[in-house]
Structure formats: C-alpha cells, structure tokens
C-alpha cells in the first residue's frame, strides 16, 4: 500500500546514502524534471542518468 510512511521510507534511502534501494522503486521509463537554472536543471528520460546524478554532491 502506498501511503506517506512508505514514501518516507523509500526516500530515506537517498538521504542515507543507499540510492540503489531507492532506484529499485523507480520505473524504467521515468521522466524526471529538475527545476532551476543550475547545470543539472532539465528533463531526464533515462533511469540510469538519474542514478548517476544522485551520486553528485551539490552543496
């Protein structure tokens, strides 16, 4: 069942440095939009690119 607790659990893997578990729940045909005017802004259509971007440390 998808509820707030489930969503928090899934995203906690990103927070805790375990993106592999998070991306197991991301559809292969995901379209992800990163807003803003920074170099990472734009639309991503490939799950593997999202996984790569997640490893970047933005401070």
PDB file of N, CA and C in Angstrom:
ATOM      1  N   UNK A   1       0.839  -1.182   0.000  1.00  0.00           N
ATOM      2  CA  UNK A   1       0.000   0.000   0.000  1.00  0.00           C
ATOM      3  C   UNK A   1       0.882   1.243   0.000  1.00  0.00           C
ATOM      4  N   UNK A   2       0.561   2.167  -0.872  1.00  0.00           N
ATOM      5  CA  UNK A   2       1.321   3.408  -0.934  1.00  0.00           C
ATOM      6  C   UNK A   2       0.677   4.414   0.012  1.00  0.00           C
ATOM      7  N   UNK A   3       1.454   4.842   0.978  1.00  0.00           N
ATOM      8  CA  UNK A   3       0.997   5.870   1.905  1.00  0.00           C
ATOM      9  C   UNK A   3       2.197   6.735   2.283  1.00  0.00           C
ATOM     10  N   UNK A   4       1.989   7.700   3.133  1.00  0.00           N
ATOM     11  CA  UNK A   4       3.049   8.631   3.498  1.00  0.00           C
ATOM     12  C   UNK A   4       4.248   7.905   4.113  1.00  0.00           C
ATOM     13  N   UNK A   5       3.998   6.946   4.969  1.00  0.00           N
ATOM     14  CA  UNK A   5       5.091   6.208   5.611  1.00  0.00           C
ATOM     15  C   UNK A   5       5.934   5.462   4.575  1.00  0.00           C
ATOM     16  N   UNK A   6       5.292   4.875   3.570  1.00  0.00           N
ATOM     17  CA  UNK A   6       6.008   4.153   2.518  1.00  0.00           C
ATOM     18  C   UNK A   6       6.885   5.107   1.717  1.00  0.00           C
ATOM     19  N   UNK A   7       6.335   6.268   1.358  1.00  0.00           N
ATOM     20  CA  UNK A   7       7.095   7.262   0.591  1.00  0.00           C
ATOM     21  C   UNK A   7       8.296   7.751   1.392  1.00  0.00           C
ATOM     22  N   UNK A   8       8.094   8.032   2.667  1.00  0.00           N
ATOM     23  CA  UNK A   8       9.203   8.460   3.526  1.00  0.00           C
ATOM     24  C   UNK A   8      10.274   7.381   3.583  1.00  0.00           C
ATOM     25  N   UNK A   9       9.864   6.134   3.711  1.00  0.00           N
ATOM     26  CA  UNK A   9      10.811   5.012   3.753  1.00  0.00           C
ATOM     27  C   UNK A   9      11.625   4.926   2.468  1.00  0.00           C
ATOM     28  N   UNK A  10      10.976   5.027   1.315  1.00  0.00           N
ATOM     29  CA  UNK A  10      11.677   4.920   0.034  1.00  0.00           C
ATOM     30  C   UNK A  10      12.683   6.055  -0.122  1.00  0.00           C
ATOM     31  N   UNK A  11      12.275   7.293   0.170  1.00  0.00           N
ATOM     32  CA  UNK A  11      13.182   8.426   0.014  1.00  0.00           C
ATOM     33  C   UNK A  11      14.273   8.454   1.074  1.00  0.00           C
ATOM     34  N   UNK A  12      14.070   7.792   2.192  1.00  0.00           N
ATOM     35  CA  UNK A  12      15.100   7.761   3.234  1.00  0.00           C
ATOM     36  C   UNK A  12      16.370   7.078   2.732  1.00  0.00           C
ATOM     37  N   UNK A  13      16.243   6.213   1.748  1.00  0.00           N
ATOM     38  CA  UNK A  13      17.423   5.550   1.201  1.00  0.00           C
ATOM     39  C   UNK A  13      18.334   6.546   0.487  1.00  0.00           C
ATOM     40  N   UNK A  14      17.764   7.566  -0.140  1.00  0.00           N
ATOM     41  CA  UNK A  14      18.592   8.612  -0.739  1.00  0.00           C
ATOM     42  C   UNK A  14      19.307   9.394   0.349  1.00  0.00           C
ATOM     43  N   UNK A  15      18.579   9.736   1.381  1.00  0.00           N
ATOM     44  CA  UNK A  15      19.144  10.506   2.490  1.00  0.00           C
ATOM     45  C   UNK A  15      20.274   9.748   3.182  1.00  0.00           C
ATOM     46  N   UNK A  16      20.143   8.441   3.268  1.00  0.00           N
ATOM     47  CA  UNK A  16      21.115   7.625   3.994  1.00  0.00           C
ATOM     48  C   UNK A  16      22.219   7.056   3.108  1.00  0.00           C
ATOM     49  N   UNK A  17      22.316   7.547   1.876  1.00  0.00           N
ATOM     50  CA  UNK A  17      23.402   7.121   1.000  1.00  0.00           C
ATOM     51  C   UNK A  17      23.242   5.734   0.417  1.00  0.00           C
ATOM     52  N   UNK A  18      22.002   5.290   0.242  1.00  0.00           N
ATOM     53  CA  UNK A  18      21.738   3.974  -0.334  1.00  0.00           C
ATOM     54  C   UNK A  18      20.802   4.117  -1.539  1.00  0.00           C
ATOM     55  N   UNK A  19      21.256   4.805  -2.595  1.00  0.00           N
ATOM     56  CA  UNK A  19      20.369   5.088  -3.723  1.00  0.00           C
ATOM     57  C   UNK A  19      19.912   3.849  -4.485  1.00  0.00           C
ATOM     58  N   UNK A  20      20.661   2.753  -4.398  1.00  0.00           N
ATOM     59  CA  UNK A  20      20.281   1.543  -5.128  1.00  0.00           C
ATOM     60  C   UNK A  20      18.881   1.084  -4.734  1.00  0.00           C
ATOM     61  N   UNK A  21      18.577   1.125  -3.440  1.00  0.00           N
ATOM     62  CA  UNK A  21      17.258   0.688  -2.965  1.00  0.00           C
ATOM     63  C   UNK A  21      16.181   1.650  -3.463  1.00  0.00           C
ATOM     64  N   UNK A  22      16.461   2.950  -3.431  1.00  0.00           N
ATOM     65  CA  UNK A  22      15.502   3.930  -3.948  1.00  0.00           C
ATOM     66  C   UNK A  22      15.185   3.647  -5.414  1.00  0.00           C
ATOM     67  N   UNK A  23      16.228   3.453  -6.230  1.00  0.00           N
ATOM     68  CA  UNK A  23      16.023   3.288  -7.664  1.00  0.00           C
ATOM     69  C   UNK A  23      15.377   1.962  -8.033  1.00  0.00           C
ATOM     70  N   UNK A  24      15.337   1.005  -7.122  1.00  0.00           N
ATOM     71  CA  UNK A  24      14.576  -0.220  -7.361  1.00  0.00           C
ATOM     72  C   UNK A  24      13.078   0.077  -7.466  1.00  0.00           C
ATOM     73  N   UNK A  25      12.651   1.193  -6.915  1.00  0.00           N
ATOM     74  CA  UNK A  25      11.244   1.576  -6.915  1.00  0.00           C
ATOM     75  C   UNK A  25      10.906   2.592  -8.009  1.00  0.00           C
ATOM     76  N   UNK A  26      11.895   2.981  -8.809  1.00  0.00           N
ATOM     77  CA  UNK A  26      11.688   3.952  -9.880  1.00  0.00           C
ATOM     78  C   UNK A  26      11.445   3.193 -11.180  1.00  0.00           C
ATOM     79  N   UNK A  27      10.402   3.577 -11.892  1.00  0.00           N
ATOM     80  CA  UNK A  27      10.064   2.943 -13.164  1.00  0.00           C
ATOM     81  C   UNK A  27      11.181   3.148 -14.184  1.00  0.00           C
ATOM     82  N   UNK A  28      11.387   2.172 -15.053  1.00  0.00           N
ATOM     83  CA  UNK A  28      12.417   2.282 -16.082  1.00  0.00           C
ATOM     84  C   UNK A  28      12.128   3.395 -17.083  1.00  0.00           C
ATOM     85  N   UNK A  29      10.866   3.758 -17.265  1.00  0.00           N
ATOM     86  CA  UNK A  29      10.516   4.801 -18.232  1.00  0.00           C
ATOM     87  C   UNK A  29      10.156   6.119 -17.548  1.00  0.00           C
ATOM     88  N   UNK A  30      10.786   6.385 -16.427  1.00  0.00           N
ATOM     89  CA  UNK A  30      10.523   7.597 -15.658  1.00  0.00           C
ATOM     90  C   UNK A  30      10.936   8.846 -16.441  1.00  0.00           C
ATOM     91  N   UNK A  31      10.205   9.932 -16.245  1.00  0.00           N
ATOM     92  CA  UNK A  31      10.598  11.253 -16.730  1.00  0.00           C
ATOM     93  C   UNK A  31      10.730  12.120 -15.490  1.00  0.00           C
ATOM     94  N   UNK A  32      11.937  12.589 -15.247  1.00  0.00           N
ATOM     95  CA  UNK A  32      12.239  13.343 -14.037  1.00  0.00           C
ATOM     96  C   UNK A  32      12.558  14.772 -14.443  1.00  0.00           C
ATOM     97  N   UNK A  33      11.933  15.747 -13.818  1.00  0.00           N
ATOM     98  CA  UNK A  33      12.202  17.142 -14.137  1.00  0.00           C
ATOM     99  C   UNK A  33      12.865  17.814 -12.951  1.00  0.00           C
ATOM    100  N   UNK A  34      14.062  18.335 -13.200  1.00  0.00           N
ATOM    101  CA  UNK A  34      14.820  19.052 -12.178  1.00  0.00           C
ATOM    102  C   UNK A  34      14.679  20.533 -12.496  1.00  0.00           C
ATOM    103  N   UNK A  35      14.052  21.268 -11.594  1.00  0.00           N
ATOM    104  CA  UNK A  35      13.793  22.681 -11.845  1.00  0.00           C
ATOM    105  C   UNK A  35      14.976  23.537 -11.429  1.00  0.00           C
ATOM    106  N   UNK A  36      14.998  24.739 -11.952  1.00  0.00           N
ATOM    107  CA  UNK A  36      16.037  25.695 -11.587  1.00  0.00           C
ATOM    108  C   UNK A  36      16.837  26.130 -12.796  1.00  0.00           C
ATOM    109  N   UNK A  37      17.869  26.924 -12.534  1.00  0.00           N
ATOM    110  CA  UNK A  37      18.718  27.443 -13.606  1.00  0.00           C
ATOM    111  C   UNK A  37      20.153  26.939 -13.482  1.00  0.00           C
ATOM    112  N   UNK A  38      20.373  25.950 -12.662  1.00  0.00           N
ATOM    113  CA  UNK A  38      21.704  25.375 -12.461  1.00  0.00           C
ATOM    114  C   UNK A  38      21.999  24.338 -13.550  1.00  0.00           C
ATOM    115  N   UNK A  39      23.242  23.878 -13.641  1.00  0.00           N
ATOM    116  CA  UNK A  39      23.618  22.933 -14.707  1.00  0.00           C
ATOM    117  C   UNK A  39      22.854  21.606 -14.700  1.00  0.00           C
ATOM    118  N   UNK A  40      22.288  21.208 -13.580  1.00  0.00           N
ATOM    119  CA  UNK A  40      21.561  19.942 -13.526  1.00  0.00           C
ATOM    120  C   UNK A  40      20.089  20.085 -13.894  1.00  0.00           C
ATOM    121  N   UNK A  41      19.634  21.321 -14.102  1.00  0.00           N
ATOM    122  CA  UNK A  41      18.223  21.554 -14.413  1.00  0.00           C
ATOM    123  C   UNK A  41      17.879  20.976 -15.785  1.00  0.00           C
ATOM    124  N   UNK A  42      16.659  20.485 -15.897  1.00  0.00           N
ATOM    125  CA  UNK A  42      16.180  19.952 -17.165  1.00  0.00           C
ATOM    126  C   UNK A  42      15.405  18.668 -16.960  1.00  0.00           C
ATOM    127  N   UNK A  43      15.054  18.026 -18.069  1.00  0.00           N
ATOM    128  CA  UNK A  43      14.317  16.761 -18.013  1.00  0.00           C
ATOM    129  C   UNK A  43      15.257  15.597 -18.272  1.00  0.00           C
ATOM    130  N   UNK A  44      15.060  14.562 -17.495  1.00  0.00           N
ATOM    131  CA  UNK A  44      15.818  13.328 -17.673  1.00  0.00           C
ATOM    132  C   UNK A  44      14.840  12.230 -18.043  1.00  0.00           C
ATOM    133  N   UNK A  45      15.180  11.466 -19.059  1.00  0.00           N
ATOM    134  CA  UNK A  45      14.288  10.417 -19.538  1.00  0.00           C
ATOM    135  C   UNK A  45      14.838   9.021 -19.295  1.00  0.00           C
ATOM    136  N   UNK A  46      16.010   8.924 -18.743  1.00  0.00           N
ATOM    137  CA  UNK A  46      16.648   7.625 -18.577  1.00  0.00           C
ATOM    138  C   UNK A  46      16.954   7.400 -17.103  1.00  0.00           C
ATOM    139  N   UNK A  47      16.481   6.303 -16.573  1.00  0.00           N
ATOM    140  CA  UNK A  47      16.678   5.982 -15.158  1.00  0.00           C
ATOM    141  C   UNK A  47      18.159   5.949 -14.788  1.00  0.00           C
ATOM    142  N   UNK A  48      19.010   5.439 -15.652  1.00  0.00           N
ATOM    143  CA  UNK A  48      20.430   5.352 -15.316  1.00  0.00           C
ATOM    144  C   UNK A  48      21.058   6.729 -15.173  1.00  0.00           C
ATOM    145  N   UNK A  49      20.577   7.703 -15.920  1.00  0.00           N
ATOM    146  CA  UNK A  49      21.091   9.068 -15.758  1.00  0.00           C
ATOM    147  C   UNK A  49      20.692   9.625 -14.403  1.00  0.00           C
ATOM    148  N   UNK A  50      19.490   9.306 -13.954  1.00  0.00           N
ATOM    149  CA  UNK A  50      19.064   9.752 -12.629  1.00  0.00           C
ATOM    150  C   UNK A  50      19.960   9.157 -11.560  1.00  0.00           C
ATOM    151  N   UNK A  51      20.272   7.898 -11.724  1.00  0.00           N
ATOM    152  CA  UNK A  51      21.129   7.220 -10.761  1.00  0.00           C
ATOM    153  C   UNK A  51      22.500   7.895 -10.724  1.00  0.00           C
ATOM    154  N   UNK A  52      23.041   8.278 -11.867  1.00  0.00           N
ATOM    155  CA  UNK A  52      24.326   8.970 -11.936  1.00  0.00           C
ATOM    156  C   UNK A  52      24.237  10.321 -11.239  1.00  0.00           C
ATOM    157  N   UNK A  53      23.184  11.084 -11.519  1.00  0.00           N
ATOM    158  CA  UNK A  53      23.038  12.408 -10.922  1.00  0.00           C
ATOM    159  C   UNK A  53      22.902  12.324  -9.417  1.00  0.00           C
ATOM    160  N   UNK A  54      22.302  11.266  -8.925  1.00  0.00           N
ATOM    161  CA  UNK A  54      22.131  11.119  -7.492  1.00  0.00           C
ATOM    162  C   UNK A  54      23.474  11.019  -6.775  1.00  0.00           C
ATOM    163  N   UNK A  55      24.505  10.573  -7.474  1.00  0.00           N
ATOM    164  CA  UNK A  55      25.816  10.444  -6.848  1.00  0.00           C
ATOM    165  C   UNK A  55      26.558  11.771  -6.776  1.00  0.00           C
ATOM    166  N   UNK A  56      26.081  12.784  -7.481  1.00  0.00           N
ATOM    167  CA  UNK A  56      26.722  14.092  -7.418  1.00  0.00           C
ATOM    168  C   UNK A  56      26.405  14.748  -6.086  1.00  0.00           C
ATOM    169  N   UNK A  57      27.371  15.389  -5.523  1.00  0.00           N
ATOM    170  CA  UNK A  57      27.162  16.081  -4.251  1.00  0.00           C
ATOM    171  C   UNK A  57      27.045  17.570  -4.560  1.00  0.00           C
ATOM    172  N   UNK A  58      25.870  18.112  -4.358  1.00  0.00           N
ATOM    173  CA  UNK A  58      25.630  19.532  -4.605  1.00  0.00           C
ATOM    174  C   UNK A  58      25.590  20.230  -3.256  1.00  0.00           C
ATOM    175  N   UNK A  59      26.435  21.214  -3.096  1.00  0.00           N
ATOM    176  CA  UNK A  59      26.479  21.939  -1.817  1.00  0.00           C
ATOM    177  C   UNK A  59      26.102  23.378  -2.029  1.00  0.00           C
TER     178      UNK A  59
END
